[in-house]
Amino acid sequence: MTYPPPQGPGTGKSGAALAVGVLATVLIVVATVLIAVLVPSRGKVEGVALAAGADGSGEEGSASTSGRATPKRPTTRPSTSATNGGGSGAPKACEYKVATGGETKNVGVPTNPTEVPTSGTVLITLQTTEGNIPVRLDRSKAPCAVHSMLFLIEKKFYDATPCHRLTTSDSLKVLQCGDPTGSGRGGPGYEYANEEPTELKSAGEGLVVYPTATVAMANAGPDTNGSQFFLVYGDSKIPPNYPVLGTVDAAGITTLTGIATTGTADGGQDGPPKKPVVVGAVSTN
């Protein structure tokens, strides 16, 4: 299982599809006018309904009311995203559900899920075989994700776990860690909702830029966040489906760059690091 995906979605609709869309829009406009004329008492209401259908409101990849394309999401079901704290600092409730499938290292579920802090930062250090990677977790960006990670750190879940994936393409430069099995399919036995970032710069085609030094959760689709995370050592263009945990400091970027320079085991752009990277322990400061 590969996530984040090595490539973004396609380039969009074909010319033929566009022509059909234009014709359909014209027919809808004509129908709307006729309804407004022939049925005055309902014209306004039906006109609104037809307009919503014409621009596809509520459909993935549709046009938004601002005139910009709504990002296409590679999902098959709607997200029950846990909303951020809105900057108020008030605690929020998170839900950690039992995961189905995959390989698990069960350490229980995060405590106090109904009183999760939504502000403040926590400095942690990933002590790897290639050097330390200091990370500042930011509760305001993804409170449920940060709460979960701190719980797993307390349980020593990440101790002696490999960083099983390195990507080196122009559009995706990350080191992925957090799976105790090293297979890319492992997790903590629970999962939780997405807290999708809203502040990232658009890269077009439904993608955003996860900038250098970002730390974010890796997942296999909506609401499947668990223990795996990735560290960005170069600006990466992917869908905004991965909760942002915080940032790597300068010393950590130096460590990540060194790992990336060595490359992958098979010399490709996506695979296990050529020189194995293991997180020996994670400390909180």
Protein backbone atom coordinates (compact mmCIF):
# COMPACT_ATOMS: atom_id res chain seq x y z
CA MET A 1 0.00 0.00 0.00
CA THR A 2 1.43 3.34 -1.06
CA TYR A 3 0.43 6.55 0.65
CA PRO A 4 0.87 9.41 0.09
CA PRO A 5 0.48 8.48 -3.60
CA PRO A 6 3.61 8.81 -5.75
CA GLN A 7 1.67 10.83 -8.34
CA GLY A 8 -1.28 13.20 -8.28
CA PRO A 9 -4.58 12.71 -10.14
CA GLY A 10 -4.88 13.12 -13.90
CA THR A 11 -4.96 16.35 -15.85
CA GLY A 12 -8.73 16.70 -16.10
CA LYS A 13 -11.59 16.27 -18.56
CA SER A 14 -11.17 15.62 -22.28
CA GLY A 15 -12.40 17.99 -24.97
CA ALA A 16 -15.34 15.74 -25.79
CA ALA A 17 -16.45 15.65 -22.19
CA LEU A 18 -16.18 19.44 -22.03
CA ALA A 19 -18.40 19.86 -25.09
CA VAL A 20 -21.06 17.60 -23.59
CA GLY A 21 -20.86 19.59 -20.36
CA VAL A 22 -21.39 22.89 -22.21
CA LEU A 23 -24.42 21.49 -24.09
CA ALA A 24 -25.91 20.18 -20.86
CA THR A 25 -25.46 23.56 -19.20
CA VAL A 26 -27.23 25.34 -22.09
CA LEU A 27 -30.18 22.92 -21.87
CA ILE A 28 -30.43 23.43 -18.12
CA VAL A 29 -30.43 27.21 -18.50
CA VAL A 30 -33.24 26.98 -21.10
CA ALA A 31 -35.23 24.70 -18.82
CA THR A 32 -34.73 27.08 -15.92
CA VAL A 33 -36.07 30.01 -17.91
CA LEU A 34 -39.14 28.03 -19.03
CA ILE A 35 -39.87 26.97 -15.46
CA ALA A 36 -39.55 30.53 -14.21
CA VAL A 37 -41.98 31.75 -16.90
CA LEU A 38 -44.53 28.93 -16.82
CA VAL A 39 -44.54 28.27 -13.08
CA PRO A 40 -43.93 31.62 -11.33
CA SER A 41 -44.84 30.36 -7.87
CA ARG A 42 -42.02 27.76 -7.91
CA GLY A 43 -39.56 29.25 -10.39
CA LYS A 44 -37.20 30.70 -7.81
CA VAL A 45 -36.90 27.53 -5.75
CA GLU A 46 -36.50 25.20 -8.71
CA GLY A 47 -34.12 27.65 -10.35
CA VAL A 48 -31.82 27.39 -7.34
CA ALA A 49 -32.05 23.62 -7.33
CA LEU A 50 -31.25 23.40 -11.04
CA ALA A 51 -28.33 25.79 -10.67
CA ALA A 52 -26.90 23.60 -7.92
CA GLY A 53 -27.22 20.59 -10.17
CA ALA A 54 -25.59 22.37 -13.07
CA ASP A 55 -22.42 23.25 -11.22
CA GLY A 56 -22.37 19.96 -9.36
CA SER A 57 -22.46 21.40 -5.86
CA GLY A 58 -21.53 18.72 -3.39
CA GLU A 59 -19.77 16.60 -6.01
CA GLU A 60 -16.02 16.05 -5.95
CA GLY A 61 -14.18 17.91 -8.68
CA SER A 62 -17.04 20.39 -9.24
CA ALA A 63 -16.88 24.16 -9.60
CA SER A 64 -17.25 26.08 -6.36
CA THR A 65 -19.24 29.26 -5.81
CA SER A 66 -15.99 31.24 -6.01
CA GLY A 67 -15.43 30.10 -9.59
CA ARG A 68 -12.43 27.95 -8.71
CA ALA A 69 -12.28 24.22 -9.17
CA THR A 70 -13.00 22.22 -6.05
CA PRO A 71 -10.05 19.85 -5.48
CA LYS A 72 -10.68 16.27 -6.51
CA ARG A 73 -10.17 13.86 -3.65
CA PRO A 74 -9.08 10.27 -4.29
CA THR A 75 -11.68 8.88 -1.90
CA THR A 76 -14.66 6.58 -2.14
CA ARG A 77 -16.61 7.85 0.84
CA PRO A 78 -17.07 11.20 2.57
CA SER A 79 -14.75 12.12 5.40
CA THR A 80 -16.13 12.52 8.90
CA SER A 81 -13.30 14.94 9.56
CA ALA A 82 -12.73 16.10 13.10
CA THR A 83 -12.71 19.87 12.89
CA ASN A 84 -9.84 21.87 14.29
CA GLY A 85 -10.27 23.91 17.42
CA GLY A 86 -10.69 27.11 15.39
CA GLY A 87 -7.87 28.80 17.28
CA SER A 88 -10.03 29.25 20.39
CA GLY A 89 -7.83 26.99 22.50
CA ALA A 90 -10.90 25.18 23.87
CA PRO A 91 -10.55 21.39 24.23
CA LYS A 92 -12.21 19.18 21.63
CA ALA A 93 -13.44 15.61 21.46
CA CYS A 94 -11.67 13.03 19.31
CA GLU A 95 -12.85 9.54 18.44
CA TYR A 96 -10.38 6.68 18.11
CA LYS A 97 -12.05 3.64 16.57
CA VAL A 98 -10.87 0.04 16.39
CA ALA A 99 -9.11 -0.46 13.05
CA THR A 100 -10.14 -3.21 10.67
CA GLY A 101 -7.48 -5.08 8.73
CA GLY A 102 -3.77 -4.48 8.61
CA GLU A 103 -1.10 -5.60 11.04
CA THR A 104 -1.28 -4.08 14.49
CA LYS A 105 0.79 -3.51 17.59
CA ASN A 106 -1.95 -2.96 20.13
CA VAL A 107 -1.10 -0.58 22.97
CA GLY A 108 -4.64 0.56 23.73
CA VAL A 109 -6.24 3.84 22.67
CA PRO A 110 -5.41 7.44 23.61
CA THR A 111 -6.65 8.50 27.02
CA ASN A 112 -8.93 11.48 27.70
CA PRO A 113 -10.24 11.65 24.11
CA THR A 114 -13.05 14.05 25.05
CA GLU A 115 -10.69 16.73 26.43
CA VAL A 116 -8.00 17.05 23.78
CA PRO A 117 -5.96 20.29 23.86
CA THR A 118 -6.16 22.43 20.73
CA SER A 119 -3.32 24.84 21.38
CA GLY A 120 0.34 24.74 22.33
CA THR A 121 3.41 22.97 20.95
CA VAL A 122 5.46 19.99 22.09
CA LEU A 123 9.08 19.35 21.12
CA ILE A 124 9.96 15.72 20.44
CA THR A 125 13.13 14.14 19.09
CA LEU A 126 13.23 11.10 16.81
CA GLN A 127 16.46 9.36 17.74
CA THR A 128 17.34 7.51 14.54
CA THR A 129 20.32 5.46 13.43
CA GLU A 130 21.19 8.28 11.02
CA GLY A 131 20.99 11.08 13.55
CA ASN A 132 18.44 12.95 15.63
CA ILE A 133 15.41 14.57 14.03
CA PRO A 134 13.86 17.21 16.33
CA VAL A 135 10.19 17.90 15.59
CA ARG A 136 7.88 20.54 17.03
CA LEU A 137 4.32 19.21 17.21
CA ASP A 138 1.60 21.86 16.92
CA ARG A 139 -1.69 20.95 18.59
CA SER A 140 -3.58 23.72 16.77
CA LYS A 141 -3.02 22.14 13.35
CA ALA A 142 -4.35 18.64 14.08
CA PRO A 143 -5.26 18.16 17.75
CA CYS A 144 -6.43 14.55 17.45
CA ALA A 145 -3.35 13.52 15.49
CA VAL A 146 -0.93 15.18 17.91
CA HIS A 147 -2.79 13.70 20.90
CA SER A 148 -2.50 10.24 19.35
CA MET A 149 1.20 10.60 18.57
CA LEU A 150 2.02 11.72 22.11
CA PHE A 151 0.09 8.74 23.46
CA LEU A 152 2.03 6.35 21.23
CA ILE A 153 5.32 7.97 22.27
CA GLU A 154 4.38 7.49 25.93
CA LYS A 155 3.66 3.82 25.21
CA LYS A 156 7.05 3.50 23.44
CA PHE A 157 5.18 2.35 20.34
CA TYR A 158 7.75 3.92 18.02
CA ASP A 159 10.82 2.49 19.73
CA ALA A 160 12.90 0.27 17.41
CA THR A 161 10.65 0.90 14.39
CA PRO A 162 12.00 1.29 10.83
CA CYS A 163 11.40 4.16 8.45
CA HIS A 164 10.24 1.88 5.67
CA ARG A 165 9.76 4.28 2.77
CA LEU A 166 11.79 6.98 1.03
CA THR A 167 10.59 8.93 -2.02
CA THR A 168 12.90 11.05 -4.16
CA SER A 169 10.79 12.25 -7.10
CA ASP A 170 10.47 15.94 -7.98
CA SER A 171 6.91 16.06 -6.65
CA LEU A 172 7.27 13.88 -3.54
CA LYS A 173 10.27 14.05 -1.21
CA VAL A 174 9.45 12.31 2.05
CA LEU A 175 10.71 9.78 4.56
CA GLN A 176 7.87 7.67 5.94
CA CYS A 177 8.05 6.07 9.39
CA GLY A 178 5.85 4.79 12.20
CA ASP A 179 5.01 1.24 11.10
CA PRO A 180 6.34 -1.30 13.63
CA THR A 181 6.10 -4.07 11.02
CA GLY A 182 8.08 -2.18 8.37
CA SER A 183 5.63 -3.38 5.73
CA GLY A 184 3.65 -0.17 5.25
CA ARG A 185 0.50 -1.92 6.48
CA GLY A 186 1.02 -1.77 10.23
CA GLY A 187 -0.58 0.43 12.83
CA PRO A 188 -1.67 0.80 16.45
CA GLY A 189 -4.97 -1.07 16.21
CA TYR A 190 -7.08 2.08 16.09
CA GLU A 191 -7.78 4.82 13.56
CA TYR A 192 -9.28 8.28 13.60
CA ALA A 193 -10.75 11.01 11.43
CA ASN A 194 -8.88 13.33 9.09
CA GLU A 195 -8.03 16.86 10.17
CA GLU A 196 -7.28 18.18 6.72
CA PRO A 197 -4.99 21.21 6.45
CA THR A 198 -6.51 24.42 5.11
CA GLU A 199 -3.50 26.73 5.08
CA LEU A 200 -1.35 24.96 2.48
CA LYS A 201 -0.66 26.61 -0.88
CA SER A 202 -2.54 25.21 -3.88
CA ALA A 203 -0.50 23.44 -6.54
CA GLY A 204 -3.42 22.96 -8.96
CA GLU A 205 -5.16 19.75 -10.06
CA GLY A 206 -6.48 19.18 -6.53
CA LEU A 207 -2.98 19.18 -5.06
CA VAL A 208 -1.32 21.37 -2.45
CA VAL A 209 2.27 21.98 -1.44
CA TYR A 210 3.41 20.30 1.75
CA PRO A 211 6.48 22.49 2.29
CA THR A 212 9.93 21.39 3.35
CA ALA A 213 10.11 20.53 7.07
CA THR A 214 6.44 19.51 7.33
CA VAL A 215 5.55 16.45 9.39
CA ALA A 216 2.19 14.88 8.55
CA MET A 217 0.20 11.71 9.07
CA ALA A 218 0.24 9.04 6.38
CA ASN A 219 -3.02 7.22 5.73
CA ALA A 220 -4.77 4.87 3.33
CA GLY A 221 -7.83 7.05 2.74
CA PRO A 222 -10.40 9.04 4.70
CA ASP A 223 -10.33 8.52 8.45
CA THR A 224 -7.65 5.80 8.45
CA ASN A 225 -4.97 7.70 10.35
CA GLY A 226 -3.04 5.51 12.75
CA SER A 227 0.66 5.63 13.62
CA GLN A 228 2.45 6.17 10.31
CA PHE A 229 3.76 9.62 9.48
CA PHE A 230 6.06 11.25 6.94
CA LEU A 231 8.74 13.92 7.12
CA VAL A 232 9.07 16.27 4.15
CA TYR A 233 12.65 17.15 3.15
CA GLY A 234 11.65 18.94 -0.08
CA ASP A 235 8.44 20.69 -1.19
CA SER A 236 5.94 17.97 -2.15
CA LYS A 237 2.73 18.20 -4.19
CA ILE A 238 0.03 15.84 -2.98
CA PRO A 239 -3.70 16.00 -2.11
CA PRO A 240 -4.53 17.80 1.16
CA ASN A 241 -5.58 14.55 2.81
CA TYR A 242 -2.82 14.24 5.38
CA PRO A 243 -3.12 15.95 8.80
CA VAL A 244 -0.16 18.21 9.59
CA LEU A 245 1.50 17.38 12.90
CA GLY A 246 4.16 20.08 12.98
CA THR A 247 7.62 20.89 11.62
CA VAL A 248 11.17 19.53 11.58
CA ASP A 249 13.91 21.88 12.76
CA ALA A 250 17.06 22.72 10.78
CA ALA A 251 19.17 19.96 12.33
CA GLY A 252 16.50 17.43 11.44
CA ILE A 253 16.41 18.59 7.82
CA THR A 254 20.16 18.01 7.62
CA THR A 255 19.62 14.43 8.81
CA LEU A 256 16.78 13.87 6.34
CA THR A 257 18.77 15.28 3.43
CA GLY A 258 21.60 12.90 4.22
CA ILE A 259 19.21 9.95 4.18
CA ALA A 260 17.69 11.08 0.88
CA THR A 261 21.11 11.53 -0.73
CA THR A 262 21.88 7.85 -0.15
CA GLY A 263 18.72 6.97 -2.09
CA THR A 264 16.49 3.90 -2.11
CA ALA A 265 17.52 0.26 -1.92
CA ASP A 266 16.77 -0.43 -5.59
CA GLY A 267 17.79 2.98 -6.92
CA GLY A 268 14.19 3.91 -7.76
CA GLN A 269 12.21 6.94 -6.65
CA ASP A 270 10.02 5.12 -4.11
CA GLY A 271 11.08 2.33 -1.79
CA PRO A 272 12.97 1.41 1.37
CA PRO A 273 16.02 3.57 2.09
CA LYS A 274 19.26 2.06 0.78
CA LYS A 275 20.76 2.47 4.23
CA PRO A 276 18.19 1.24 6.75
CA VAL A 277 16.84 3.94 9.05
CA VAL A 278 15.51 2.89 12.45
CA VAL A 279 13.88 5.05 15.10
CA GLY A 280 15.51 3.79 18.27
CA ALA A 281 13.39 5.92 20.59
CA VAL A 282 11.35 9.12 20.69
CA SER A 283 11.86 11.58 23.51
CA THR A 284 9.73 14.54 24.57
CA ASN A 285 11.36 17.74 25.78
